[in-house]
Amino acid sequence: MRLKAWWEGYDLTVHQKKLVPFESGELDEDAPEPGSPEWMSKRLEVMQEIWGEGMSGPGDKNYILKLVKPFALDPKHTVIEVGAGLGGATRIIAEHFDIWMTGLEADREVADAGMELSTMAGLAKRAPIHYFDVDHYEFRESSIDCVFSKEALYLVEDKERLLAEIINMIKPRGQLLFTDYVLAENADTKAVGDWKKGEPVAPHPWTMKDYEAALTEARLDIRIKEDITEDVHKIITSAWAGFLNSIKGHTMDKSTADAVEQAVELWTRRTKAIDSGALRICRFHALKKDAEKMLSDW
């Protein structure tokens, strides 16, 4: 009911929830008994049912490859993804360009599941997914050619520190490319507040101007700065339409139903914030100048 209400564009308050027993459906085939050990939680299973195998958010293979096209990757490049989620994008990029790429994820459960998925895909060495403490992680200086991040930085409170670490890690003439949720200029405070309270991890979003200022201050050469909200919004609605169709006529067990409800509530708030104009999605691509060019800028 909640999912149908969200999809059709109206609010619904459910005062009493009845969870029907699992009878059929792809989401719950061979589902483990409550309390039994399982390496992937229902939350992560439902996440993949919505977005695709190994994916943690909007975007399929073609979308990911389009995002990273400015990198012009070849097998000589080393790449790190910050905020890799379940590692779907990391594995896509590593396989398509025949490169060695590492994914870093701040949610330990998601990182562990992502590493398992890479192992199952035979990419444990070429596309590993590791947990990292976003607030304390330090990167090795000038060690990576390209850094990629997809809708992850908005969760980081001390973005100045993390960006400084990332830029320090990038080699001279290396590249940084990321997408992220950002606040619109003069964003409606109520819409922002409603969105924030529904996030599982407290968000700390910047505006596009904040990112532009930070990259400029770090003396990066900004090549792409664009609002991609419309494209991402289409991907979100299309993915949810497909998911809604896939569960039509099926019932599910309590743990799956709870996971679906949580996902619905999360993306209801996000799409409302986007539809209100308060929340946007940006894309930046920047190059790190080499030492000689930086000196010549003086």
Protein backbone atom coordinates (compact mmCIF):
# COMPACT_ATOMS: atom_id res chain seq x y z
CA MET A 1 0.00 0.00 0.00
CA ARG A 2 2.77 2.43 0.92
CA LEU A 3 4.71 1.61 -2.25
CA LYS A 4 1.61 2.00 -4.44
CA ALA A 5 0.73 5.29 -2.75
CA TRP A 6 4.23 6.67 -3.28
CA TRP A 7 4.27 5.60 -6.91
CA GLU A 8 0.90 7.24 -7.62
CA GLY A 9 2.00 10.46 -5.94
CA TYR A 10 0.02 10.77 -2.73
CA ASP A 11 0.74 10.42 0.99
CA LEU A 12 -0.44 7.44 2.99
CA THR A 13 -0.29 6.81 6.72
CA VAL A 14 -0.61 3.15 7.61
CA HIS A 15 -1.83 2.78 11.18
CA GLN A 16 -1.85 -1.00 11.27
CA LYS A 17 0.41 -3.17 9.20
CA LYS A 18 -0.29 -6.80 8.40
CA LEU A 19 2.59 -8.81 7.00
CA VAL A 20 1.48 -11.67 4.83
CA PRO A 21 3.44 -14.94 4.81
CA PHE A 22 5.80 -15.63 1.94
CA GLU A 23 4.14 -17.64 -0.79
CA SER A 24 6.01 -16.94 -4.01
CA GLY A 25 8.21 -14.40 -5.76
CA GLU A 26 11.78 -13.94 -6.83
CA LEU A 27 12.72 -11.80 -3.83
CA ASP A 28 12.16 -14.61 -1.35
CA GLU A 29 12.99 -17.91 -3.01
CA ASP A 30 14.96 -20.09 -0.60
CA ALA A 31 14.83 -17.34 2.02
CA PRO A 32 16.61 -18.42 5.26
CA GLU A 33 14.66 -18.95 8.44
CA PRO A 34 14.63 -15.99 10.90
CA GLY A 35 17.76 -15.97 12.99
CA SER A 36 19.75 -18.25 10.66
CA PRO A 37 23.15 -17.03 9.41
CA GLU A 38 23.22 -15.32 6.03
CA TRP A 39 26.01 -13.36 4.41
CA MET A 40 23.71 -10.76 2.83
CA SER A 41 20.89 -8.98 4.66
CA LYS A 42 17.42 -8.41 3.23
CA ARG A 43 18.23 -4.71 3.05
CA LEU A 44 21.01 -5.41 0.57
CA GLU A 45 18.99 -8.00 -1.35
CA VAL A 46 16.13 -5.53 -1.84
CA MET A 47 18.64 -2.82 -2.76
CA GLN A 48 19.83 -4.97 -5.66
CA GLU A 49 16.30 -5.90 -6.71
CA ILE A 50 15.62 -2.18 -7.15
CA TRP A 51 18.86 -0.98 -8.73
CA GLY A 52 20.37 -4.08 -10.28
CA GLU A 53 22.88 -6.76 -9.37
CA GLY A 54 25.68 -5.34 -7.27
CA MET A 55 24.27 -1.81 -7.42
CA SER A 56 23.54 0.37 -4.38
CA GLY A 57 21.83 3.28 -6.12
CA PRO A 58 20.61 4.68 -9.44
CA GLY A 59 22.50 3.78 -12.61
CA ASP A 60 23.14 0.72 -14.78
CA LYS A 61 26.27 -0.34 -16.68
CA ASN A 62 25.75 2.07 -19.57
CA TYR A 63 25.18 4.97 -17.18
CA ILE A 64 28.32 4.19 -15.16
CA LEU A 65 30.47 3.96 -18.28
CA LYS A 66 29.03 7.25 -19.54
CA LEU A 67 29.86 8.93 -16.22
CA VAL A 68 33.52 7.92 -16.29
CA LYS A 69 34.06 8.53 -20.01
CA PRO A 70 36.03 11.76 -19.35
CA PHE A 71 38.71 9.66 -17.61
CA ALA A 72 39.64 8.06 -20.96
CA LEU A 73 40.74 4.98 -19.02
CA ASP A 74 43.18 2.36 -20.26
CA PRO A 75 44.94 -0.60 -18.53
CA LYS A 76 47.74 1.67 -17.34
CA HIS A 77 45.45 3.66 -15.05
CA THR A 78 44.96 3.01 -11.35
CA VAL A 79 41.55 3.98 -10.01
CA ILE A 80 39.84 4.21 -6.62
CA GLU A 81 36.12 4.59 -6.02
CA VAL A 82 35.23 6.41 -2.81
CA GLY A 83 31.81 5.30 -1.56
CA ALA A 84 31.69 2.12 -3.64
CA GLY A 85 28.59 0.63 -2.03
CA LEU A 86 28.20 -3.01 -3.11
CA GLY A 87 30.91 -2.47 -5.71
CA GLY A 88 28.78 -2.74 -8.85
CA ALA A 89 30.36 0.31 -10.49
CA THR A 90 33.86 -0.75 -9.40
CA ARG A 91 33.46 -4.14 -11.06
CA ILE A 92 31.87 -2.66 -14.20
CA ILE A 93 34.73 -0.19 -14.70
CA ALA A 94 37.46 -2.72 -13.86
CA GLU A 95 36.12 -5.31 -16.32
CA HIS A 96 35.24 -2.92 -19.14
CA PHE A 97 38.59 -1.12 -19.18
CA ASP A 98 40.71 -4.09 -18.04
CA ILE A 99 42.12 -2.15 -15.10
CA TRP A 100 42.87 -2.77 -11.43
CA MET A 101 40.45 -0.74 -9.33
CA THR A 102 39.70 -0.57 -5.60
CA GLY A 103 36.38 0.36 -4.04
CA LEU A 104 36.20 1.96 -0.60
CA GLU A 105 32.95 1.91 1.39
CA ALA A 106 32.16 3.50 4.77
CA ASP A 107 29.30 1.11 5.65
CA ARG A 108 30.98 -2.05 6.96
CA GLU A 109 28.06 -4.37 6.18
CA VAL A 110 27.84 -3.05 2.63
CA ALA A 111 31.62 -3.23 2.15
CA ASP A 112 31.79 -6.84 3.34
CA ALA A 113 28.92 -7.83 1.03
CA GLY A 114 30.58 -5.95 -1.84
CA MET A 115 33.83 -7.84 -1.28
CA GLU A 116 31.92 -11.11 -1.32
CA LEU A 117 30.28 -10.15 -4.61
CA SER A 118 33.69 -9.30 -6.11
CA THR A 119 35.03 -12.66 -4.94
CA MET A 120 32.05 -14.49 -6.43
CA ALA A 121 32.64 -12.64 -9.72
CA GLY A 122 36.30 -13.69 -9.77
CA LEU A 123 37.39 -10.07 -9.22
CA ALA A 124 38.66 -10.24 -5.64
CA LYS A 125 42.07 -8.90 -6.69
CA ARG A 126 41.12 -6.70 -9.64
CA ALA A 127 38.10 -5.04 -8.02
CA PRO A 128 38.22 -5.49 -4.24
CA ILE A 129 35.81 -3.60 -1.97
CA HIS A 130 37.24 -2.50 1.38
CA TYR A 131 35.75 -0.85 4.44
CA PHE A 132 37.33 2.49 5.34
CA ASP A 133 36.77 4.95 8.15
CA VAL A 134 35.80 8.05 6.21
CA ASP A 135 36.68 10.39 9.11
CA HIS A 136 40.21 9.10 9.70
CA TYR A 137 41.36 7.38 6.53
CA GLU A 138 44.62 8.66 5.06
CA PHE A 139 45.65 8.01 1.48
CA ARG A 140 49.14 7.51 0.11
CA GLU A 141 50.42 10.65 -1.62
CA SER A 142 50.44 10.76 -5.45
CA SER A 143 49.53 7.07 -5.72
CA ILE A 144 46.39 6.99 -7.91
CA ASP A 145 45.63 8.22 -11.42
CA CYS A 146 41.87 8.68 -11.05
CA VAL A 147 39.38 8.92 -8.19
CA PHE A 148 35.69 8.30 -8.77
CA SER A 149 32.78 8.81 -6.37
CA LYS A 150 29.06 8.42 -6.92
CA GLU A 151 26.59 10.07 -4.51
CA ALA A 152 28.67 9.43 -1.41
CA LEU A 153 30.36 12.66 -0.34
CA TYR A 154 27.14 14.27 0.96
CA LEU A 155 27.30 11.89 3.94
CA VAL A 156 30.74 13.15 4.99
CA GLU A 157 30.71 15.90 7.60
CA ASP A 158 34.34 17.00 7.24
CA LYS A 159 34.44 17.19 3.45
CA GLU A 160 37.36 19.61 3.48
CA ARG A 161 39.59 17.00 5.12
CA LEU A 162 38.45 14.13 2.90
CA LEU A 163 38.80 16.17 -0.30
CA ALA A 164 42.28 17.25 0.75
CA GLU A 165 43.21 13.59 1.31
CA ILE A 166 41.76 12.57 -2.05
CA ILE A 167 43.52 15.36 -3.92
CA ASN A 168 46.77 14.53 -2.16
CA MET A 169 46.36 10.89 -3.30
CA ILE A 170 45.90 11.83 -6.96
CA LYS A 171 49.04 11.95 -9.07
CA PRO A 172 50.02 15.18 -10.86
CA ARG A 173 47.83 15.41 -14.00
CA GLY A 174 45.50 12.87 -12.39
CA GLN A 175 41.73 13.24 -12.33
CA LEU A 176 38.81 13.49 -9.92
CA LEU A 177 35.25 12.78 -11.05
CA PHE A 178 32.25 12.61 -8.75
CA THR A 179 28.50 12.97 -8.56
CA ASP A 180 26.75 14.00 -5.38
CA TYR A 181 23.55 15.23 -3.80
CA VAL A 182 23.73 19.00 -3.30
CA LEU A 183 21.42 21.65 -1.92
CA ALA A 184 19.91 24.17 -4.29
CA GLU A 185 20.70 27.80 -3.63
CA ASN A 186 18.10 29.15 -1.18
CA ALA A 187 16.69 25.64 -0.74
CA ASP A 188 13.41 25.32 1.15
CA THR A 189 14.39 24.55 4.74
CA LYS A 190 11.33 22.39 5.43
CA ALA A 191 11.92 20.23 2.38
CA VAL A 192 15.57 19.83 3.36
CA GLY A 193 14.64 19.00 6.95
CA ASP A 194 12.09 16.39 5.88
CA TRP A 195 14.70 14.77 3.64
CA LYS A 196 17.46 14.76 6.25
CA LYS A 197 15.41 13.13 8.98
CA GLY A 198 14.68 10.14 6.73
CA GLU A 199 18.31 9.39 5.89
CA PRO A 200 19.84 6.39 7.71
CA VAL A 201 23.10 8.36 8.09
CA ALA A 202 22.93 12.08 8.81
CA PRO A 203 23.72 13.96 5.57
CA HIS A 204 25.93 17.04 5.37
CA PRO A 205 25.26 18.33 1.83
CA TRP A 206 27.07 21.20 0.17
CA THR A 207 25.90 23.36 -2.71
CA MET A 208 27.48 23.23 -6.16
CA LYS A 209 29.13 26.57 -5.37
CA ASP A 210 30.71 25.03 -2.26
CA TYR A 211 32.27 22.27 -4.34
CA GLU A 212 33.41 24.68 -7.02
CA ALA A 213 35.07 26.88 -4.42
CA ALA A 214 36.79 23.93 -2.74
CA LEU A 215 38.15 22.53 -6.00
CA THR A 216 39.29 25.96 -7.17
CA GLU A 217 41.02 26.63 -3.86
CA ALA A 218 42.81 23.29 -4.21
CA ARG A 219 44.03 24.53 -7.61
CA LEU A 220 42.25 21.84 -9.61
CA ASP A 221 41.28 22.55 -13.20
CA ILE A 222 37.50 22.06 -13.34
CA ARG A 223 36.53 20.61 -16.73
CA ILE A 224 32.90 19.59 -16.05
CA LYS A 225 30.42 21.20 -13.69
CA GLU A 226 26.82 20.24 -14.38
CA ASP A 227 23.43 19.57 -12.83
CA ILE A 228 22.37 16.01 -13.72
CA THR A 229 19.22 15.94 -11.57
CA GLU A 230 16.83 15.37 -14.47
CA ASP A 231 18.77 12.36 -15.78
CA VAL A 232 19.09 10.75 -12.34
CA HIS A 233 15.42 11.40 -11.54
CA LYS A 234 14.43 9.47 -14.68
CA ILE A 235 16.65 6.57 -13.65
CA ILE A 236 15.10 6.51 -10.17
CA THR A 237 11.51 6.46 -11.43
CA SER A 238 12.30 3.85 -14.08
CA ALA A 239 14.02 1.55 -11.56
CA TRP A 240 11.13 1.81 -9.12
CA ALA A 241 8.61 1.15 -11.89
CA GLY A 242 10.48 -2.03 -12.77
CA PHE A 243 10.69 -3.11 -9.14
CA LEU A 244 6.99 -2.43 -8.58
CA ASN A 245 6.15 -4.54 -11.60
CA SER A 246 8.43 -7.38 -10.45
CA ILE A 247 6.68 -7.79 -7.10
CA LYS A 248 3.15 -7.42 -8.47
CA GLY A 249 1.07 -10.43 -7.44
CA HIS A 250 3.68 -11.75 -5.01
CA THR A 251 3.65 -11.79 -1.24
CA MET A 252 6.78 -11.71 0.88
CA ASP A 253 8.04 -12.66 4.31
CA LYS A 254 8.25 -10.17 7.17
CA SER A 255 11.96 -9.37 6.83
CA THR A 256 11.63 -8.69 3.11
CA ALA A 257 8.48 -6.60 3.64
CA ASP A 258 10.27 -4.55 6.30
CA ALA A 259 13.25 -3.99 3.98
CA VAL A 260 10.95 -2.91 1.13
CA GLU A 261 9.08 -0.53 3.44
CA GLN A 262 12.34 1.06 4.61
CA ALA A 263 13.49 1.51 1.00
CA VAL A 264 10.14 3.07 0.05
CA GLU A 265 10.29 5.55 2.92
CA LEU A 266 13.90 6.45 2.13
CA TRP A 267 13.30 7.09 -1.57
CA THR A 268 9.96 8.78 -0.97
CA ARG A 269 11.74 11.46 1.05
CA ARG A 270 14.57 11.76 -1.46
CA THR A 271 12.30 12.12 -4.47
CA LYS A 272 10.10 14.62 -2.64
CA ALA A 273 13.16 16.72 -1.88
CA ILE A 274 14.24 16.49 -5.53
CA ASP A 275 10.74 17.29 -6.82
CA SER A 276 10.58 20.32 -4.51
CA GLY A 277 13.76 21.68 -6.08
CA ALA A 278 15.61 21.70 -2.76
CA LEU A 279 17.82 18.69 -3.53
CA ARG A 280 19.85 18.40 -6.71
CA ILE A 281 22.48 16.03 -8.12
CA CYS A 282 25.71 17.44 -9.52
CA ARG A 283 28.62 16.10 -11.54
CA PHE A 284 32.17 17.44 -11.37
CA HIS A 285 35.28 16.44 -13.30
CA ALA A 286 38.60 18.09 -12.44
CA LEU A 287 42.27 17.66 -13.27
CA LYS A 288 45.14 18.02 -10.84
CA LYS A 289 47.79 20.36 -12.14
CA ASP A 290 51.39 19.21 -12.12
CA ALA A 291 53.96 20.96 -9.94
CA GLU A 292 55.57 22.86 -12.81
CA LYS A 293 52.29 24.33 -13.99
CA MET A 294 51.35 25.31 -10.45
CA LEU A 295 54.62 27.22 -10.08
CA SER A 296 54.12 28.91 -13.43
CA ASP A 297 50.68 30.10 -12.26
CA TRP A 298 52.49 32.40 -9.82
